[in-house]
Amino acid sequence: MISKMKLKDVGIIVTGNTPSKKNKDYYDSNDINFFTPTDFEDGRINDFEESVNYISNNAKEKARILPKGSVLVTCIGIIGKVGIVEKESAFNQQINAIIPNKDIIDNRYLAYWLISKADYLRKKANAPVVPIINKTDFQELEIVVPDMETQKEIVNKLNKMQKLIDLKEEQKCLFEDLIKSQFVEMFGSVELNDKNFEEQEISSIADISSSKRIYANEYQENGVPFYRSKEIIELGHNKKPSIELFISAKRFEEIKERYGIPKRGDILITAVGTIGETWIVDTDEPFYYKDGNVLQIRLNTNISQIYFKYVLDILISIFKSKNVSGSAYAALTIEKFKKMKIILPPIELQNQFADIVKQIDKQKFEIQKNLEEMKKTKENLMNKYFN
């Protein structure tokens, strides 16, 4: 038997809150998990045992406490991330929670259904400043609820597929760890330069720039792609970005002639917000990018591009550890970046490392291909069950 119900009919819906930060007693011990959107990964059920932030027992009466098994959904800012709490927990106002009626719905079935509706929720929440799904709209969403046995069969199939995806993700991480350990073995500590390699400021080995500013009235619906930080990040992770902004071919040609444009082999690095994500430009297709948020690096000396990218990752990690303010990092300005010092081992050693990376990357590529196929299979299953 299949029923169509509203979310408010399958459980109790609660919007989170944040106990006053002014009262230090509310945060003086890690007694109760306190979840915020930063705890969530996208596209999967997050099984929450521990949070990044906590509240003390003193705040229990001021927070909204959920029982084990409750389902969380981010509903402000980044919409549609989903998790299940594994023990009694609190959560902030950017999250709606559903305490499911166990006689009606399986909590993992509900969580998978919510993931399948993430794009719909994001479109519904489309707002000029901060996207939001309020509790009133959220609880009116309609969900198809089959009998419990069918729900558990669907959950079982999706769980198995997710486990296969997790194994592939773990393999990718192991290969990344292998590259990092190989780097340390060959080059030692970048910060300490304990192998006494030549050392120079980045400004002496590369031309560093940002783009010419593009104003909002210069964007159009099609033309030359204009990449922001999020598109650069996706390209750096070998993902095809969804391009939302374009500039005219005429404007692009004007910029190209007067200021120059990125070329194949240049390195773009995000410098504001999510700092240090890199993309080695691997296309001759025209594009431009957001000024200030992205730095452009063009190596002008005999240095391995692959070696440079990996040493750059380490330098950015050091920079972030020294330039954090609260929960945010200071912007990586051109001036700061130019003064970073880089160790320069003999080019033969750099090339040897690059060859190792290329071999590992071939294996990573095959894993990534399998991973994308598995994710597509999971997506197809969710469409079959929920759409």
Protein backbone atom coordinates (compact mmCIF):
# COMPACT_ATOMS: atom_id res chain seq x y z
CA MET A 1 0.00 0.00 0.00
CA ILE A 2 1.31 3.44 -0.95
CA SER A 3 0.19 6.67 0.68
CA LYS A 4 0.90 10.29 -0.20
CA MET A 5 1.45 12.31 2.96
CA LYS A 6 2.79 15.66 4.05
CA LEU A 7 6.04 15.80 6.01
CA LYS A 8 4.20 17.10 9.07
CA ASP A 9 2.13 13.87 9.02
CA VAL A 10 5.14 11.50 9.15
CA GLY A 11 6.79 13.08 12.19
CA ILE A 12 7.29 16.11 14.40
CA ILE A 13 9.10 18.98 12.66
CA VAL A 14 11.34 21.26 14.70
CA THR A 15 13.50 24.25 13.70
CA GLY A 16 16.75 24.57 15.60
CA ASN A 17 18.07 27.49 17.65
CA THR A 18 21.32 28.71 19.21
CA PRO A 19 21.58 29.26 22.98
CA SER A 20 22.99 32.71 23.73
CA LYS A 21 26.72 32.93 23.07
CA LYS A 22 26.90 35.63 25.73
CA ASN A 23 26.35 33.03 28.44
CA LYS A 24 29.68 31.21 28.69
CA ASP A 25 28.13 28.55 30.94
CA TYR A 26 26.22 27.27 27.91
CA TYR A 27 29.49 26.38 26.17
CA ASP A 28 31.87 25.51 29.00
CA SER A 29 31.85 21.74 28.35
CA ASN A 30 31.22 19.33 25.48
CA ASP A 31 28.14 17.61 26.89
CA ILE A 32 25.70 17.72 23.96
CA ASN A 33 26.33 17.61 20.22
CA PHE A 34 25.41 20.90 18.55
CA PHE A 35 25.06 20.56 14.78
CA THR A 36 25.41 23.32 12.18
CA PRO A 37 25.51 23.11 8.34
CA THR A 38 29.33 22.88 8.41
CA ASP A 39 28.98 19.34 9.83
CA PHE A 40 27.26 18.08 6.68
CA GLU A 41 28.61 16.51 3.50
CA ASP A 42 26.39 16.92 0.45
CA GLY A 43 24.71 14.11 -1.52
CA ARG A 44 24.70 11.45 1.20
CA ILE A 45 23.16 10.60 4.56
CA ASN A 46 25.48 11.92 7.26
CA ASP A 47 25.38 9.52 10.22
CA PHE A 48 26.11 11.92 13.07
CA GLU A 49 27.83 10.56 16.16
CA GLU A 50 29.91 13.64 16.99
CA SER A 51 29.65 17.30 16.02
CA VAL A 52 32.28 20.00 15.53
CA ASN A 53 30.57 22.22 18.12
CA TYR A 54 28.96 21.40 21.47
CA ILE A 55 26.83 22.91 24.19
CA SER A 56 26.94 22.14 27.89
CA ASN A 57 24.20 20.62 29.99
CA ASN A 58 23.60 24.15 31.30
CA ALA A 59 22.16 25.06 27.88
CA LYS A 60 19.87 22.05 27.60
CA GLU A 61 16.75 23.97 28.59
CA LYS A 62 17.56 26.73 26.09
CA ALA A 63 18.27 24.43 23.12
CA ARG A 64 16.01 22.21 21.04
CA ILE A 65 17.02 18.67 21.84
CA LEU A 66 16.40 15.80 19.44
CA PRO A 67 16.20 12.09 20.25
CA LYS A 68 18.40 9.51 18.54
CA GLY A 69 17.24 8.72 15.00
CA SER A 70 15.97 12.22 14.16
CA VAL A 71 16.59 13.46 10.61
CA LEU A 72 18.26 16.85 10.01
CA VAL A 73 17.96 18.96 6.83
CA THR A 74 19.82 22.21 6.12
CA CYS A 75 17.24 24.83 5.12
CA ILE A 76 19.13 28.15 5.09
CA GLY A 77 22.10 28.97 2.88
CA ILE A 78 23.19 25.64 1.41
CA ILE A 79 19.88 23.80 1.12
CA GLY A 80 19.19 20.07 1.21
CA LYS A 81 22.05 18.46 3.12
CA VAL A 82 20.77 15.58 5.23
CA GLY A 83 21.87 13.77 8.37
CA ILE A 84 20.64 11.40 11.09
CA VAL A 85 21.67 11.89 14.73
CA GLU A 86 22.98 8.78 16.47
CA LYS A 87 22.38 10.17 19.95
CA GLU A 88 20.55 13.00 21.70
CA SER A 89 21.63 16.26 20.03
CA ALA A 90 20.91 19.96 19.52
CA PHE A 91 21.08 21.96 16.29
CA ASN A 92 21.01 25.55 15.07
CA GLN A 93 18.39 27.67 13.32
CA GLN A 94 19.69 26.90 9.81
CA ILE A 95 18.41 23.35 10.17
CA ASN A 96 14.96 21.77 10.29
CA ALA A 97 14.60 18.39 11.95
CA ILE A 98 12.04 15.64 11.66
CA ILE A 99 11.44 13.29 14.57
CA PRO A 100 9.90 10.45 12.52
CA ASN A 101 6.89 8.45 13.57
CA LYS A 102 8.43 4.97 13.54
CA ASP A 103 5.08 3.35 12.83
CA ILE A 104 4.76 5.29 9.58
CA ILE A 105 8.23 5.86 8.16
CA ASP A 106 11.76 4.50 8.35
CA ASN A 107 14.18 7.33 9.14
CA ARG A 108 16.69 6.30 6.45
CA TYR A 109 13.92 6.08 3.85
CA LEU A 110 12.95 9.61 4.84
CA ALA A 111 16.58 10.77 4.66
CA TYR A 112 17.11 9.29 1.18
CA TRP A 113 13.85 10.86 0.01
CA LEU A 114 15.03 14.27 1.24
CA ILE A 115 18.35 13.88 -0.60
CA SER A 116 16.45 13.05 -3.78
CA LYS A 117 14.54 16.33 -3.37
CA ALA A 118 17.61 18.52 -2.73
CA ASP A 119 17.56 20.18 -6.17
CA TYR A 120 13.83 20.84 -5.86
CA LEU A 121 14.34 22.39 -2.43
CA ARG A 122 17.17 24.59 -3.73
CA LYS A 123 15.03 25.88 -6.58
CA LYS A 124 12.12 26.47 -4.23
CA ALA A 125 14.44 28.38 -1.90
CA ASN A 126 15.94 30.51 -4.66
CA ALA A 127 16.46 33.93 -3.09
CA PRO A 128 18.56 36.95 -4.08
CA VAL A 129 20.59 37.02 -0.85
CA VAL A 130 20.22 33.96 1.40
CA PRO A 131 18.23 30.93 0.15
CA ILE A 132 15.79 29.68 2.77
CA ILE A 133 13.08 27.04 3.21
CA ASN A 134 10.98 28.04 6.20
CA LYS A 135 9.31 25.54 8.49
CA THR A 136 5.83 26.31 7.15
CA ASP A 137 6.77 25.47 3.56
CA PHE A 138 8.96 22.56 4.62
CA GLN A 139 6.26 20.72 6.55
CA GLU A 140 3.81 20.98 3.63
CA LEU A 141 6.07 19.00 1.25
CA GLU A 142 4.39 15.82 0.00
CA ILE A 143 6.14 12.48 0.35
CA VAL A 144 5.13 9.10 -1.06
CA VAL A 145 5.15 6.55 1.76
CA PRO A 146 4.97 2.84 0.83
CA ASP A 147 4.48 0.09 3.39
CA MET A 148 7.33 -0.43 5.88
CA GLU A 149 8.62 -3.59 4.22
CA THR A 150 9.01 -1.79 0.88
CA GLN A 151 10.70 1.15 2.62
CA LYS A 152 13.28 -1.16 4.19
CA GLU A 153 13.95 -2.91 0.86
CA ILE A 154 14.62 0.45 -0.78
CA VAL A 155 16.88 1.54 2.08
CA ASN A 156 18.80 -1.74 1.94
CA LYS A 157 19.55 -1.34 -1.79
CA LEU A 158 20.61 2.30 -1.43
CA ASN A 159 22.76 1.50 1.62
CA LYS A 160 24.63 -1.18 -0.34
CA MET A 161 25.27 1.23 -3.20
CA GLN A 162 26.51 3.90 -0.78
CA LYS A 163 28.92 1.42 0.83
CA LEU A 164 30.45 0.69 -2.59
CA ILE A 165 30.79 4.44 -3.20
CA ASP A 166 32.44 4.90 0.20
CA LEU A 167 34.97 2.16 -0.57
CA LYS A 168 35.93 3.87 -3.83
CA GLU A 169 36.23 7.22 -2.05
CA GLU A 170 38.50 5.57 0.52
CA GLN A 171 40.69 4.18 -2.27
CA LYS A 172 41.06 7.69 -3.70
CA CYS A 173 42.13 9.00 -0.30
CA LEU A 174 44.71 6.24 0.07
CA PHE A 175 46.29 7.22 -3.24
CA GLU A 176 46.39 10.86 -2.13
CA ASP A 177 48.07 9.78 1.12
CA LEU A 178 50.60 7.81 -0.92
CA ILE A 179 51.51 10.93 -2.92
CA LYS A 180 51.87 13.00 0.26
CA SER A 181 54.12 10.44 1.93
CA GLN A 182 56.24 10.23 -1.24
CA PHE A 183 56.57 14.02 -1.22
CA VAL A 184 57.80 14.07 2.39
CA GLU A 185 60.23 11.23 1.71
CA MET A 186 61.76 13.06 -1.26
CA PHE A 187 61.62 16.69 -0.10
CA GLY A 188 61.22 16.69 3.67
CA SER A 189 59.47 19.57 5.44
CA VAL A 190 58.53 22.51 3.22
CA GLU A 191 58.34 24.82 6.25
CA LEU A 192 61.63 23.76 7.86
CA ASN A 193 63.52 22.99 4.62
CA ASP A 194 65.32 20.25 6.56
CA LYS A 195 67.00 18.95 3.39
CA ASN A 196 68.58 22.35 2.72
CA PHE A 197 67.26 22.92 -0.80
CA GLU A 198 67.53 26.29 -2.53
CA GLU A 199 64.73 28.59 -1.34
CA GLN A 200 63.11 31.58 -3.08
CA GLU A 201 60.03 33.77 -2.84
CA ILE A 202 57.26 32.73 -5.26
CA SER A 203 57.46 36.17 -6.91
CA SER A 204 60.92 35.25 -8.26
CA ILE A 205 59.73 32.11 -10.07
CA ALA A 206 56.25 33.07 -11.28
CA ASP A 207 54.20 35.94 -12.65
CA ILE A 208 51.21 36.42 -10.34
CA SER A 209 48.10 38.42 -11.22
CA SER A 210 44.34 38.62 -10.87
CA SER A 211 41.76 39.46 -13.49
CA LYS A 212 40.38 42.75 -14.73
CA ARG A 213 37.20 43.58 -12.81
CA ILE A 214 33.95 42.63 -14.54
CA TYR A 215 30.88 44.58 -13.43
CA ALA A 216 27.43 43.10 -12.90
CA ASN A 217 25.98 44.93 -15.91
CA GLU A 218 28.54 43.19 -18.15
CA TYR A 219 27.17 39.69 -17.49
CA GLN A 220 24.88 38.11 -20.06
CA GLU A 221 23.01 34.85 -20.61
CA ASN A 222 25.55 33.32 -22.99
CA GLY A 223 28.94 34.01 -24.51
CA VAL A 224 32.37 33.45 -22.92
CA PRO A 225 32.17 31.52 -19.60
CA PHE A 226 32.98 33.57 -16.49
CA TYR A 227 34.27 31.45 -13.61
CA ARG A 228 33.85 32.27 -9.94
CA SER A 229 35.60 30.45 -7.10
CA LYS A 230 33.06 27.62 -7.07
CA GLU A 231 33.62 26.84 -10.77
CA ILE A 232 37.41 26.92 -10.29
CA ILE A 233 37.03 24.45 -7.41
CA GLU A 234 34.89 22.10 -9.50
CA LEU A 235 37.36 22.24 -12.41
CA GLY A 236 40.21 21.50 -10.01
CA HIS A 237 38.34 18.38 -8.90
CA ASN A 238 37.83 17.29 -12.53
CA LYS A 239 34.14 18.14 -12.43
CA LYS A 240 32.23 19.90 -15.17
CA PRO A 241 30.85 23.07 -13.58
CA SER A 242 27.39 24.44 -14.08
CA ILE A 243 28.19 27.85 -15.59
CA GLU A 244 25.83 30.63 -14.56
CA LEU A 245 27.65 33.76 -15.76
CA PHE A 246 28.99 34.81 -19.17
CA ILE A 247 30.54 37.88 -20.77
CA SER A 248 30.34 38.91 -24.42
CA ALA A 249 32.94 37.74 -26.92
CA LYS A 250 33.61 41.41 -27.74
CA ARG A 251 34.36 42.27 -24.09
CA PHE A 252 36.54 39.19 -23.80
CA GLU A 253 38.58 40.20 -26.85
CA GLU A 254 39.04 43.69 -25.41
CA ILE A 255 40.39 42.19 -22.17
CA LYS A 256 42.57 39.73 -24.06
CA GLU A 257 44.20 42.47 -26.12
CA ARG A 258 44.71 44.93 -23.27
CA TYR A 259 45.38 42.76 -20.21
CA GLY A 260 45.94 39.20 -21.38
CA ILE A 261 44.01 36.07 -20.44
CA PRO A 262 44.78 32.73 -18.77
CA LYS A 263 46.62 30.20 -20.94
CA ARG A 264 46.87 26.42 -20.85
CA GLY A 265 49.30 25.52 -18.08
CA ASP A 266 48.55 28.54 -15.88
CA ILE A 267 47.48 27.77 -12.33
CA LEU A 268 44.39 29.43 -10.84
CA ILE A 269 44.03 29.40 -7.08
CA THR A 270 41.05 30.50 -4.97
CA ALA A 271 42.05 33.32 -2.61
CA VAL A 272 38.89 34.29 -0.69
CA GLY A 273 36.45 32.13 1.28
CA THR A 274 37.48 28.61 0.31
CA ILE A 275 41.21 29.33 0.02
CA GLY A 276 43.83 27.27 -1.79
CA GLU A 277 41.80 25.20 -4.26
CA THR A 278 43.78 25.00 -7.50
CA TRP A 279 43.09 24.34 -11.15
CA ILE A 280 45.87 23.82 -13.69
CA VAL A 281 44.28 25.27 -16.82
CA ASP A 282 43.92 22.36 -19.24
CA THR A 283 41.87 23.95 -22.00
CA ASP A 284 42.32 26.33 -24.91
CA GLU A 285 38.65 27.28 -24.81
CA PRO A 286 38.15 30.96 -23.90
CA PHE A 287 37.07 31.85 -20.35
CA TYR A 288 37.61 34.56 -17.76
CA TYR A 289 37.48 34.60 -13.96
CA LYS A 290 36.49 36.72 -10.96
CA ASP A 291 38.97 39.36 -9.85
CA GLY A 292 40.29 39.26 -6.28
CA ASN A 293 38.72 35.89 -5.50
CA VAL A 294 41.16 34.03 -7.75
CA LEU A 295 44.91 34.43 -8.34
CA GLN A 296 46.61 33.48 -11.61
CA ILE A 297 50.09 31.95 -11.55
CA ARG A 298 52.32 31.62 -14.62
CA LEU A 299 55.63 29.88 -13.90
CA ASN A 300 58.58 31.66 -15.51
CA THR A 301 61.44 29.38 -14.53
CA ASN A 302 62.45 25.75 -14.93
CA ILE A 303 60.20 24.10 -12.35
CA SER A 304 57.91 21.08 -12.55
CA GLN A 305 54.30 22.19 -12.66
CA ILE A 306 53.19 19.07 -10.76
CA TYR A 307 55.83 19.59 -8.06
CA PHE A 308 54.81 23.23 -7.78
CA LYS A 309 51.13 22.36 -7.32
CA TYR A 310 51.87 19.93 -4.47
CA VAL A 311 54.28 22.26 -2.66
CA LEU A 312 51.69 25.02 -3.13
CA ASP A 313 49.04 22.91 -1.36
CA ILE A 314 51.38 22.64 1.63
CA LEU A 315 52.21 26.37 1.66
CA ILE A 316 48.49 27.24 1.59
CA SER A 317 47.80 24.82 4.44
CA ILE A 318 50.53 26.55 6.50
CA PHE A 319 49.12 29.96 5.57
CA LYS A 320 45.62 28.97 6.69
CA SER A 321 46.86 27.60 10.00
CA LYS A 322 48.50 30.97 10.74
CA ASN A 323 45.76 33.22 9.36
CA VAL A 324 42.53 31.99 10.85
CA SER A 325 40.13 34.38 12.57
CA GLY A 326 37.21 32.70 14.31
CA SER A 327 35.78 30.27 11.74
CA ALA A 328 37.14 32.16 8.70
CA TYR A 329 40.51 32.48 7.01
CA ALA A 330 42.12 35.79 6.09
CA ALA A 331 42.11 36.46 2.34
CA LEU A 332 45.16 35.36 0.39
CA THR A 333 46.22 38.61 -1.28
CA ILE A 334 48.67 38.86 -4.16
CA GLU A 335 51.12 40.64 -1.87
CA LYS A 336 51.03 37.83 0.72
CA PHE A 337 51.26 35.16 -1.95
CA LYS A 338 54.29 36.71 -3.66
CA LYS A 339 56.25 36.66 -0.40
CA MET A 340 55.68 32.97 0.31
CA LYS A 341 58.94 31.04 0.17
CA ILE A 342 59.23 27.86 -1.84
CA ILE A 343 61.93 25.19 -1.70
CA LEU A 344 63.49 24.38 -5.07
CA PRO A 345 64.99 20.88 -5.20
CA PRO A 346 67.00 19.91 -8.33
CA ILE A 347 64.72 19.73 -11.38
CA GLU A 348 65.61 16.05 -11.86
CA LEU A 349 64.17 15.27 -8.42
CA GLN A 350 61.06 17.35 -9.15
CA ASN A 351 60.53 15.47 -12.42
CA GLN A 352 60.99 12.13 -10.66
CA PHE A 353 58.22 13.10 -8.24
CA ALA A 354 56.04 14.27 -11.14
CA ASP A 355 56.42 10.88 -12.86
CA ILE A 356 55.30 9.11 -9.67
CA VAL A 357 52.26 11.40 -9.43
CA LYS A 358 51.34 10.74 -13.07
CA GLN A 359 51.40 6.97 -12.50
CA ILE A 360 49.24 7.26 -9.39
CA ASP A 361 46.89 9.67 -11.17
CA LYS A 362 46.23 7.06 -13.86
CA GLN A 363 44.96 4.70 -11.18
CA LYS A 364 43.00 7.49 -9.52
CA PHE A 365 41.40 8.28 -12.87
CA GLU A 366 40.09 4.73 -13.19
CA ILE A 367 38.75 4.84 -9.65
CA GLN A 368 37.10 8.18 -10.34
CA LYS A 369 35.48 6.79 -13.47
CA ASN A 370 34.07 3.84 -11.50
CA LEU A 371 32.97 6.21 -8.78
CA GLU A 372 31.02 8.40 -11.19
CA GLU A 373 29.32 5.31 -12.64
CA MET A 374 28.31 4.17 -9.15
CA LYS A 375 26.98 7.62 -8.25
CA LYS A 376 24.97 7.65 -11.45
CA THR A 377 23.54 4.22 -10.62
CA LYS A 378 22.58 5.46 -7.16
CA GLU A 379 20.98 8.56 -8.67
CA ASN A 380 18.99 6.41 -11.10
CA LEU A 381 17.79 4.19 -8.25
CA MET A 382 16.68 7.23 -6.26
CA ASN A 383 14.84 8.62 -9.25
CA LYS A 384 13.14 5.26 -9.69
CA TYR A 385 12.06 5.03 -6.06
CA PHE A 386 11.25 8.66 -5.28
CA ASN A 387 10.35 10.40 -8.54
